[in-house]
Amino acid sequence: MTAVVDDATTPAGATVERLLDAAEMLFAERGIDAVSVRAINAAAGANVAAVHYHFGSKDALVEAVLRRRMDALGARRLAMIDALPDGRTPEPRAVVEALVVPLAELSADPGGPGRAYVRVLATLQSGDDGRRRLGTAFAPQFAPFDAALARALPSLADPVRHFRLGLVGGLVVSTLADPEAAAASLGLDPAAHDAVVNALVDTVTGALAAPVTTKKGTRR
């Protein structure tokens, strides 16, 4: 079944938005598998058939939650990539900021919908199906970001760069899903969001730019 699409100003569109808001909140709080369609309909103040009418299935609703904020997130990242200087090698840290900062902006308000969205991304990292969904959703952003990182770190072979990207991508999402915990680990005030973001950018930059050890134990 194809999801029913309506502008948010129509009654059907308003119901869709309430369902997306409710699903995002519940997925963030409990994890996707622990949330029933019945619970989503109830939290949205919708009838018992609303999710299936508007989306067709819970899986389709998960995809819609994932897509809803992804376009704006991707556009912000690509704008930062496009702003890198032409004609010279970009600083690795500037490239990493394009990965981290837009997601950090979403997660800044502990009670806001952006934080809930980042927590949903974090829950999707825990299983093969969730990682597949994330990979598909992030695919349009990956190529330009990877190209910029290759320019910034030309000595890294493609497989090494991609391996490291896979590791740090999970780190970025899990940290920004609970930045207050990261602040506590750093001995900072829980509200020191900018300091957490800077520490995260430093860490990711260091991980991506680390020297590569060869089989003989030498580093390059």
Protein backbone atom coordinates (compact mmCIF):
# COMPACT_ATOMS: atom_id res chain seq x y z
CA MET A 1 0.00 0.00 0.00
CA THR A 2 1.26 3.48 -0.86
CA ALA A 3 1.34 5.98 1.99
CA VAL A 4 -1.37 8.61 1.84
CA VAL A 5 0.32 11.97 1.34
CA ASP A 6 -1.41 15.21 2.29
CA ASP A 7 -0.28 18.73 3.02
CA ALA A 8 0.04 19.31 6.76
CA THR A 9 -2.68 21.98 6.59
CA THR A 10 -5.33 19.41 5.58
CA PRO A 11 -7.04 17.19 8.15
CA ALA A 12 -5.32 14.09 6.72
CA GLY A 13 -1.99 15.92 6.61
CA ALA A 14 -2.36 16.98 10.22
CA THR A 15 -3.01 13.36 11.20
CA VAL A 16 0.13 12.27 9.34
CA GLU A 17 2.20 14.85 11.21
CA ARG A 18 0.76 13.73 14.55
CA LEU A 19 1.57 10.12 13.72
CA LEU A 20 5.12 11.02 12.73
CA ASP A 21 5.59 13.10 15.88
CA ALA A 22 4.23 10.33 18.07
CA ALA A 23 6.28 7.62 16.40
CA GLU A 24 9.46 9.68 16.61
CA MET A 25 8.93 10.34 20.32
CA LEU A 26 8.07 6.75 21.18
CA PHE A 27 10.87 5.25 19.07
CA ALA A 28 13.34 7.58 20.79
CA GLU A 29 12.09 6.65 24.26
CA ARG A 30 11.59 2.90 23.90
CA GLY A 31 13.30 1.71 20.73
CA ILE A 32 11.53 0.77 17.53
CA ASP A 33 10.79 -2.89 18.26
CA ALA A 34 9.21 -2.10 21.64
CA VAL A 35 6.64 0.31 20.18
CA SER A 36 3.38 -1.05 18.82
CA VAL A 37 1.22 0.47 16.11
CA ARG A 38 -1.57 0.68 18.68
CA ALA A 39 0.65 2.80 20.96
CA ILE A 40 1.53 5.16 18.10
CA ASN A 41 -2.10 5.64 17.13
CA ALA A 42 -3.05 6.29 20.75
CA ALA A 43 -0.22 8.79 21.32
CA ALA A 44 -1.22 10.63 18.15
CA GLY A 45 -4.87 10.76 19.18
CA ALA A 46 -5.77 8.90 16.00
CA ASN A 47 -8.06 5.96 15.33
CA VAL A 48 -6.78 2.40 15.52
CA ALA A 49 -6.36 2.09 11.75
CA ALA A 50 -4.55 5.42 11.17
CA VAL A 51 -1.00 4.10 10.76
CA HIS A 52 -2.05 1.45 8.27
CA TYR A 53 -4.28 3.86 6.38
CA HIS A 54 -1.69 6.61 6.01
CA PHE A 55 1.51 4.53 5.77
CA GLY A 56 0.54 0.97 5.00
CA SER A 57 2.71 -0.62 7.68
CA LYS A 58 4.90 0.05 10.68
CA ASP A 59 8.00 -0.45 8.50
CA ALA A 60 6.81 2.26 6.12
CA LEU A 61 6.18 4.55 9.09
CA VAL A 62 9.75 3.97 10.31
CA GLU A 63 11.03 4.93 6.86
CA ALA A 64 8.89 8.08 6.90
CA VAL A 65 10.21 9.09 10.32
CA LEU A 66 13.76 8.58 9.07
CA ARG A 67 13.20 10.60 5.87
CA ARG A 68 11.29 13.48 7.44
CA ARG A 69 14.34 15.39 8.76
CA MET A 70 16.95 13.81 6.50
CA ASP A 71 16.60 16.23 3.57
CA ALA A 72 17.26 19.29 5.74
CA LEU A 73 20.14 17.53 7.50
CA GLY A 74 21.68 16.56 4.18
CA ALA A 75 21.25 20.03 2.71
CA ARG A 76 23.03 21.59 5.70
CA ARG A 77 25.91 19.14 5.41
CA LEU A 78 26.28 19.61 1.67
CA ALA A 79 26.24 23.40 2.09
CA MET A 80 29.17 23.11 4.49
CA ILE A 81 31.00 20.84 2.06
CA ASP A 82 30.36 23.27 -0.80
CA ALA A 83 31.77 26.10 1.33
CA LEU A 84 35.18 24.40 1.60
CA PRO A 85 37.88 26.25 -0.34
CA ASP A 86 38.42 25.28 -3.97
CA GLY A 87 41.86 24.74 -5.37
CA ARG A 88 43.58 23.63 -2.18
CA THR A 89 43.44 20.73 0.23
CA PRO A 90 40.74 21.28 2.86
CA GLU A 91 41.55 20.88 6.53
CA PRO A 92 40.37 17.49 7.82
CA ARG A 93 38.71 19.19 10.78
CA ALA A 94 36.62 21.39 8.48
CA VAL A 95 35.37 18.30 6.65
CA VAL A 96 34.53 16.57 9.92
CA GLU A 97 32.59 19.63 11.07
CA ALA A 98 30.32 19.12 8.06
CA LEU A 99 29.56 15.64 9.36
CA VAL A 100 29.11 16.54 13.03
CA VAL A 101 27.77 20.09 13.31
CA PRO A 102 24.44 19.71 11.45
CA LEU A 103 23.50 16.70 13.57
CA ALA A 104 24.70 18.52 16.69
CA GLU A 105 22.39 21.42 15.83
CA LEU A 106 19.47 18.98 15.71
CA SER A 107 20.34 17.48 19.07
CA ALA A 108 21.01 20.75 20.95
CA ASP A 109 17.60 21.00 22.66
CA PRO A 110 17.18 18.06 25.09
CA GLY A 111 13.41 18.22 24.87
CA GLY A 112 13.12 19.06 21.20
CA PRO A 113 12.10 16.94 18.24
CA GLY A 114 15.61 17.09 16.81
CA ARG A 115 17.01 15.28 19.85
CA ALA A 116 14.32 12.64 19.53
CA TYR A 117 15.26 12.18 15.87
CA VAL A 118 18.95 11.69 16.71
CA ARG A 119 17.96 9.13 19.32
CA VAL A 120 15.93 7.30 16.69
CA LEU A 121 19.03 7.22 14.48
CA ALA A 122 20.95 5.75 17.42
CA THR A 123 18.38 2.99 17.93
CA LEU A 124 18.66 2.06 14.25
CA GLN A 125 22.39 1.40 14.65
CA SER A 126 21.80 -1.65 16.82
CA GLY A 127 20.64 -4.10 14.15
CA ASP A 128 21.43 -5.10 10.58
CA ASP A 129 18.08 -3.88 9.25
CA GLY A 130 18.45 -0.55 11.02
CA ARG A 131 21.96 -0.06 9.69
CA ARG A 132 20.69 -0.84 6.20
CA ARG A 133 17.99 1.80 6.58
CA LEU A 134 20.57 4.32 7.78
CA GLY A 135 22.92 3.50 4.93
CA THR A 136 20.16 4.07 2.39
CA ALA A 137 19.04 7.31 4.02
CA PHE A 138 22.57 8.74 4.23
CA ALA A 139 23.62 7.59 0.74
CA PRO A 140 22.94 10.93 -1.02
CA GLN A 141 25.20 12.71 1.49
CA PHE A 142 27.96 10.10 1.47
CA ALA A 143 29.55 10.63 -1.94
CA PRO A 144 30.28 14.38 -1.62
CA PHE A 145 31.41 14.00 1.98
CA ASP A 146 33.67 11.07 1.10
CA ALA A 147 35.13 13.02 -1.83
CA ALA A 148 35.91 15.97 0.45
CA LEU A 149 37.52 13.69 3.01
CA ALA A 150 39.61 12.04 0.29
CA ARG A 151 40.89 15.49 -0.68
CA ALA A 152 41.66 16.31 2.95
CA LEU A 153 43.41 12.98 3.63
CA PRO A 154 44.90 11.93 0.28
CA SER A 155 47.28 9.39 1.85
CA LEU A 156 44.42 7.21 3.14
CA ALA A 157 43.48 4.33 0.85
CA ASP A 158 39.78 4.13 0.03
CA PRO A 159 39.13 0.95 2.09
CA VAL A 160 40.82 2.45 5.16
CA ARG A 161 38.91 5.72 4.82
CA HIS A 162 35.60 3.90 4.44
CA PHE A 163 36.35 1.59 7.38
CA ARG A 164 37.09 4.57 9.60
CA LEU A 165 34.03 6.44 8.38
CA GLY A 166 31.84 3.52 9.36
CA LEU A 167 33.29 3.55 12.87
CA VAL A 168 33.12 7.29 13.48
CA GLY A 169 29.64 7.62 11.99
CA GLY A 170 28.26 5.44 14.76
CA LEU A 171 30.25 7.37 17.35
CA VAL A 172 28.84 10.69 16.17
CA VAL A 173 25.24 9.50 16.35
CA SER A 174 25.55 7.74 19.71
CA THR A 175 27.31 10.73 21.30
CA LEU A 176 24.80 13.28 20.05
CA ALA A 177 21.89 11.10 21.11
CA ASP A 178 22.98 11.78 24.71
CA PRO A 179 25.41 14.72 24.77
CA GLU A 180 24.79 15.27 28.47
CA ALA A 181 26.44 11.91 29.19
CA ALA A 182 29.40 12.98 27.05
CA ALA A 183 29.58 16.25 28.97
CA ALA A 184 29.69 14.34 32.25
CA SER A 185 32.54 12.17 30.94
CA LEU A 186 34.43 15.33 30.05
CA GLY A 187 33.79 16.88 33.46
CA LEU A 188 31.65 19.59 31.89
CA ASP A 189 28.32 21.17 32.76
CA PRO A 190 25.51 19.11 31.14
CA ALA A 191 24.50 22.22 29.19
CA ALA A 192 27.97 22.63 27.61
CA HIS A 193 26.74 21.43 24.24
CA ASP A 194 29.25 23.41 22.17
CA ALA A 195 32.17 22.04 24.18
CA VAL A 196 30.91 18.48 23.63
CA VAL A 197 30.62 19.14 19.90
CA ASN A 198 34.17 20.49 19.77
CA ALA A 199 35.48 17.46 21.66
CA LEU A 200 33.58 15.15 19.32
CA VAL A 201 34.96 16.91 16.23
CA ASP A 202 38.47 16.64 17.67
CA THR A 203 38.03 12.93 18.36
CA VAL A 204 36.58 12.10 14.95
CA THR A 205 39.27 14.14 13.18
CA GLY A 206 41.97 12.32 15.10
CA ALA A 207 40.48 8.92 14.32
CA LEU A 208 40.17 9.64 10.61
CA ALA A 209 43.62 11.21 10.29
CA ALA A 210 45.49 8.65 12.40
CA PRO A 211 48.56 7.07 10.78
CA VAL A 212 48.20 3.64 9.22
CA THR A 213 50.33 0.81 10.61
CA THR A 214 51.66 -1.61 7.99
CA LYS A 215 52.19 -5.36 8.41
CA LYS A 216 55.80 -4.71 9.39
CA GLY A 217 54.73 -2.38 12.17
CA THR A 218 55.77 0.83 10.48
CA ARG A 219 53.39 3.77 10.36
CA ARG A 220 52.65 6.09 7.50
